[in-house]
N, C-alpha and C. Protein backbone atom coordinates (compact mmCIF):
# COMPACT_ATOMS: atom_id res chain seq x y z
N LEU A 1 -7.00 9.42 11.79
CA LEU A 1 -8.06 9.66 11.59
C LEU A 1 -7.47 8.18 11.52
N PHE A 2 -7.75 7.00 11.31
CA PHE A 2 -8.03 5.16 10.37
C PHE A 2 -8.90 6.08 9.74
N ILE A 3 -8.40 4.66 8.64
CA ILE A 3 -9.55 4.08 7.28
C ILE A 3 -8.78 2.50 7.65
N LYS A 4 -9.48 1.52 8.09
CA LYS A 4 -9.00 0.81 7.36
C LYS A 4 -9.48 0.24 6.27
N THR A 5 -9.17 -0.71 5.10
CA THR A 5 -9.14 -0.43 3.31
C THR A 5 -8.49 -1.12 2.94
N ASP A 6 -8.97 -1.79 1.78
CA ASP A 6 -8.28 -2.95 1.07
C ASP A 6 -7.47 -2.08 -0.14
N VAL A 7 -5.23 -1.59 0.68
CA VAL A 7 -5.28 -1.06 -0.63
C VAL A 7 -4.91 -1.79 -1.83
N SER A 8 -5.66 -2.73 -2.01
CA SER A 8 -5.29 -3.92 -3.08
C SER A 8 -6.85 -3.43 -4.71
N ASP A 9 -7.04 -3.07 -3.34
CA ASP A 9 -8.79 -2.02 -4.81
C ASP A 9 -8.55 -0.74 -5.08
N PRO A 10 -8.02 -0.23 -6.08
CA PRO A 10 -8.51 1.40 -7.33
C PRO A 10 -8.90 1.39 -6.10
N GLN A 11 -10.52 1.34 -5.87
CA GLN A 11 -11.50 2.31 -5.67
C GLN A 11 -11.19 2.08 -4.61
N ALA A 12 -11.07 1.49 -3.46
CA ALA A 12 -11.00 1.45 -2.27
C ALA A 12 -9.48 3.10 -1.21
N LEU A 13 -8.62 3.25 -2.71
CA LEU A 13 -8.18 4.19 -2.28
C LEU A 13 -8.79 6.09 -2.40
N VAL A 14 -9.48 5.51 -3.69
CA VAL A 14 -9.92 6.60 -4.26
C VAL A 14 -11.33 7.10 -2.83
N ASP A 15 -12.17 6.31 -2.35
CA ASP A 15 -13.06 6.57 -1.14
C ASP A 15 -11.21 6.79 0.22
N VAL A 16 -10.96 6.40 -0.29
CA VAL A 16 -10.24 7.00 1.44
C VAL A 16 -9.29 8.27 0.95
N ARG A 17 -9.10 8.71 0.08
CA ARG A 17 -8.44 10.04 -0.46
C ARG A 17 -10.01 11.17 0.44
N GLU A 18 -10.57 10.39 -0.22
CA GLU A 18 -12.73 10.88 -0.96
C GLU A 18 -12.85 12.12 1.43
N LYS A 19 -12.44 10.99 1.98
CA LYS A 19 -12.16 10.94 3.97
C LYS A 19 -11.80 11.77 4.04
N VAL A 20 -9.94 11.57 4.21
CA VAL A 20 -9.43 12.50 4.35
C VAL A 20 -9.50 13.76 3.91
N PHE A 21 -10.35 13.44 2.64
CA PHE A 21 -11.03 15.66 2.34
C PHE A 21 -12.34 15.41 2.97
N VAL A 22 -11.88 15.32 3.65
CA VAL A 22 -13.76 15.62 3.69
C VAL A 22 -13.36 15.63 5.65
N THR A 23 -12.46 15.08 6.76
CA THR A 23 -12.30 15.34 6.81
C THR A 23 -11.07 16.67 7.71
N PHE A 24 -10.00 16.86 6.65
CA PHE A 24 -8.91 17.87 6.70
C PHE A 24 -8.62 18.30 5.78
N GLY A 25 -9.24 19.04 4.57
CA GLY A 25 -9.34 19.38 3.32
C GLY A 25 -7.87 19.87 3.18
N ARG A 26 -7.05 18.56 2.96
CA ARG A 26 -5.90 18.69 2.89
C ARG A 26 -4.35 17.77 2.63
N ILE A 27 -3.19 16.74 2.53
CA ILE A 27 -3.22 15.36 2.55
C ILE A 27 -1.82 16.43 3.35
N ASP A 28 -0.81 16.03 4.10
CA ASP A 28 0.58 16.22 4.40
C ASP A 28 2.08 15.47 4.29
N VAL A 29 1.20 14.45 4.35
CA VAL A 29 2.93 13.01 4.32
C VAL A 29 1.05 12.00 4.18
N LEU A 30 1.37 11.26 3.22
CA LEU A 30 1.08 9.65 2.96
C LEU A 30 2.08 8.83 3.13
N ILE A 31 2.22 8.17 3.96
CA ILE A 31 2.86 6.51 4.87
C ILE A 31 2.65 5.47 3.82
N LEU A 32 3.20 5.14 3.22
CA LEU A 32 3.07 3.11 2.18
C LEU A 32 3.32 2.78 3.34
N ASN A 33 2.75 1.30 3.60
CA ASN A 33 3.29 0.74 4.76
C ASN A 33 2.32 -1.06 4.71
N ALA A 34 1.70 -0.83 3.75
CA ALA A 34 1.25 -1.86 3.90
C ALA A 34 1.91 -3.26 3.21
N GLY A 35 2.25 -4.92 3.81
CA GLY A 35 2.55 -5.59 3.11
C GLY A 35 2.02 -6.72 3.78
N VAL A 36 2.02 -7.90 3.60
CA VAL A 36 1.55 -9.80 4.10
C VAL A 36 3.04 -9.93 2.86
N ALA A 37 2.92 -10.99 3.55
CA ALA A 37 3.42 -12.26 3.42
C ALA A 37 3.78 -13.87 3.38
N PHE A 38 4.06 -14.42 3.44
CA PHE A 38 3.69 -16.05 3.63
C PHE A 38 5.10 -16.84 3.45
N ALA A 39 4.87 -18.02 5.06
CA ALA A 39 6.35 -18.22 5.70
C ALA A 39 6.22 -19.46 4.17
N ASN A 40 6.52 -20.12 3.64
CA ASN A 40 5.78 -20.99 2.85
C ASN A 40 7.59 -20.78 2.13
N LYS A 41 8.21 -21.72 1.24
CA LYS A 41 9.09 -22.02 0.58
C LYS A 41 8.66 -22.03 -1.30
N VAL A 42 8.77 -21.10 -1.02
CA VAL A 42 8.19 -21.24 -2.90
C VAL A 42 7.76 -22.27 -3.56
N ASN A 43 7.90 -23.28 -4.11
CA ASN A 43 7.20 -24.76 -4.09
C ASN A 43 6.35 -24.66 -3.44
N ASN A 44 5.76 -24.03 -1.83
CA ASN A 44 4.93 -24.21 -1.54
C ASN A 44 3.86 -23.14 -1.54
N ILE A 45 4.18 -22.14 -2.05
CA ILE A 45 3.23 -20.95 -1.54
C ILE A 45 2.51 -21.50 -3.21
N SER A 46 0.72 -21.14 -2.89
CA SER A 46 0.30 -21.00 -3.54
C SER A 46 -0.54 -19.80 -5.03
N PHE A 47 -0.40 -20.39 -6.06
CA PHE A 47 -0.61 -18.09 -6.99
C PHE A 47 -1.76 -17.81 -5.94
N GLU A 48 -2.52 -18.16 -6.09
CA GLU A 48 -3.41 -17.64 -4.95
C GLU A 48 -2.41 -16.39 -3.64
N GLU A 49 -2.00 -16.93 -2.87
CA GLU A 49 -1.18 -16.52 -1.93
C GLU A 49 0.08 -15.13 -2.69
N TRP A 50 0.34 -16.13 -3.88
CA TRP A 50 1.61 -15.29 -4.75
C TRP A 50 0.47 -14.01 -5.27
N ASN A 51 -0.44 -14.05 -6.28
CA ASN A 51 -1.26 -13.09 -6.32
C ASN A 51 -1.73 -12.28 -5.50
N LYS A 52 -2.18 -12.40 -3.56
CA LYS A 52 -2.66 -11.66 -3.22
C LYS A 52 -1.41 -10.84 -3.13
N THR A 53 -0.29 -11.25 -3.16
CA THR A 53 1.07 -10.37 -1.84
C THR A 53 1.65 -9.15 -3.22
N ILE A 54 1.82 -10.93 -4.57
CA ILE A 54 1.84 -9.17 -5.42
C ILE A 54 0.76 -7.93 -5.19
N ALA A 55 -0.22 -8.17 -4.80
CA ALA A 55 -1.67 -7.28 -5.38
C ALA A 55 -1.86 -6.49 -4.09
N ILE A 56 -1.43 -7.21 -3.38
CA ILE A 56 -1.70 -6.17 -2.14
C ILE A 56 1.10 -4.62 -1.73
N ASN A 57 1.00 -5.95 -1.51
CA ASN A 57 2.86 -5.11 -2.04
C ASN A 57 3.46 -4.76 -2.64
N LEU A 58 2.65 -4.45 -3.67
CA LEU A 58 3.26 -3.41 -5.32
C LEU A 58 2.65 -3.18 -5.79
N SER A 59 0.64 -3.83 -5.99
CA SER A 59 -0.29 -2.87 -6.82
C SER A 59 -0.65 -1.96 -5.89
N GLY A 60 -0.40 -1.54 -4.39
CA GLY A 60 -0.75 -1.51 -2.90
C GLY A 60 -0.52 -0.24 -3.20
N LEU A 61 1.28 -0.31 -3.96
CA LEU A 61 1.23 1.05 -3.07
C LEU A 61 0.74 2.00 -4.78
N PHE A 62 0.71 1.39 -6.03
CA PHE A 62 0.19 1.99 -6.81
C PHE A 62 -1.53 2.56 -6.57
N ASN A 63 -1.72 2.12 -6.89
CA ASN A 63 -2.76 2.16 -6.21
C ASN A 63 -3.47 3.92 -5.55
N THR A 64 -2.16 2.97 -4.60
CA THR A 64 -2.07 4.54 -2.55
C THR A 64 -1.71 5.24 -3.44
N VAL A 65 -0.71 5.35 -4.30
CA VAL A 65 0.07 6.44 -4.79
C VAL A 65 -0.97 7.62 -6.00
N LYS A 66 -2.02 6.59 -6.64
CA LYS A 66 -2.20 7.00 -7.73
C LYS A 66 -3.39 7.43 -7.26
N ALA A 67 -3.89 7.59 -6.35
CA ALA A 67 -5.76 8.20 -5.37
C ALA A 67 -4.62 9.28 -5.11
N PHE A 68 -3.84 9.54 -4.13
CA PHE A 68 -3.25 11.11 -4.30
C PHE A 68 -1.59 12.17 -4.62
N TYR A 69 -1.90 11.73 -6.29
CA TYR A 69 -0.82 11.89 -6.69
C TYR A 69 -1.13 13.41 -6.86
N ASP A 70 -2.35 14.12 -7.14
CA ASP A 70 -2.36 15.09 -8.28
C ASP A 70 -2.24 15.55 -6.42
N ASP A 71 -2.53 15.35 -5.60
CA ASP A 71 -2.64 16.42 -3.82
C ASP A 71 -0.69 16.12 -4.23
N PHE A 72 -0.17 16.00 -4.49
CA PHE A 72 0.70 16.42 -3.71
C PHE A 72 1.80 16.48 -5.69
N LEU A 73 1.79 17.14 -5.69
CA LEU A 73 2.14 18.35 -7.40
C LEU A 73 1.96 18.98 -6.97
N THR A 74 0.58 20.16 -5.89
CA THR A 74 0.08 21.15 -5.11
C THR A 74 0.54 21.70 -4.07
N ASN A 75 1.05 20.44 -3.40
CA ASN A 75 1.69 20.70 -2.25
C ASN A 75 3.11 20.41 -1.61
N LYS A 76 4.07 20.63 -0.28
CA LYS A 76 4.94 20.07 0.36
C LYS A 76 5.19 19.40 0.52
N GLY A 77 3.88 18.05 0.85
CA GLY A 77 3.41 16.99 1.33
C GLY A 77 4.70 16.00 0.94
N SER A 78 5.20 15.11 2.25
CA SER A 78 5.91 13.56 1.95
C SER A 78 4.76 12.62 1.55
N ILE A 79 5.79 11.00 0.45
CA ILE A 79 5.34 10.30 0.54
C ILE A 79 6.44 9.27 1.46
N VAL A 80 6.61 8.45 2.56
CA VAL A 80 7.26 7.80 2.91
C VAL A 80 6.75 5.99 2.36
N TYR A 81 7.86 5.43 2.12
CA TYR A 81 7.59 4.23 2.01
C TYR A 81 8.95 4.53 2.88
N ILE A 82 7.27 3.08 3.08
CA ILE A 82 8.14 1.64 4.59
C ILE A 82 8.52 -0.12 3.89
N SER A 83 9.19 -0.08 4.10
CA SER A 83 9.73 -2.06 3.71
C SER A 83 10.03 -2.73 4.72
N SER A 84 10.04 -3.48 4.46
CA SER A 84 10.66 -4.74 6.26
C SER A 84 12.16 -4.98 5.88
N GLY A 85 12.92 -5.63 6.32
CA GLY A 85 14.09 -6.49 5.76
C GLY A 85 13.91 -7.59 5.35
N SER A 86 12.70 -7.71 4.81
CA SER A 86 12.87 -9.84 4.12
C SER A 86 12.33 -8.14 2.86
N ALA A 87 12.64 -7.58 2.29
CA ALA A 87 12.71 -6.57 1.35
C ALA A 87 14.62 -6.92 0.60
N LEU A 88 15.12 -7.01 1.60
CA LEU A 88 16.85 -7.32 1.66
C LEU A 88 17.99 -8.05 1.91
N SER A 89 16.84 -9.75 2.40
CA SER A 89 17.80 -11.15 3.30
C SER A 89 16.80 -11.94 2.85
N GLY A 90 15.29 -11.42 2.23
CA GLY A 90 14.70 -12.24 2.56
C GLY A 90 13.85 -13.30 3.39
N THR A 91 12.01 -13.97 3.29
CA THR A 91 12.17 -14.84 4.91
C THR A 91 10.66 -15.29 4.28
N GLY A 92 11.30 -17.03 5.23
CA GLY A 92 10.29 -17.96 5.30
C GLY A 92 10.82 -18.84 3.53
N GLY A 93 11.99 -18.97 3.90
CA GLY A 93 12.53 -19.39 2.32
C GLY A 93 11.96 -19.38 1.34
N GLY A 94 11.33 -17.84 1.43
CA GLY A 94 11.37 -17.73 -0.15
C GLY A 94 12.14 -17.01 -0.51
């Protein structure tokens, strides 16, 4: 099942959870892999770009886990966070 969604929108993740449960009746694995980056130096990053990055890369993870959190209290599933190498070294002069 592939569902394109905006992870920065908490309600969108609630809707995704509903679709997953209608289709499968449960969830066993949740993979968090959404992320964006702007290849700009700090002084060239706009506040809009910064806010979009935080909304997707940080709040998006929270929104996704929050939507499915209770389901993982009652199963033995896994939540997997995936990060890029940028988490360790930075990119684009940022």
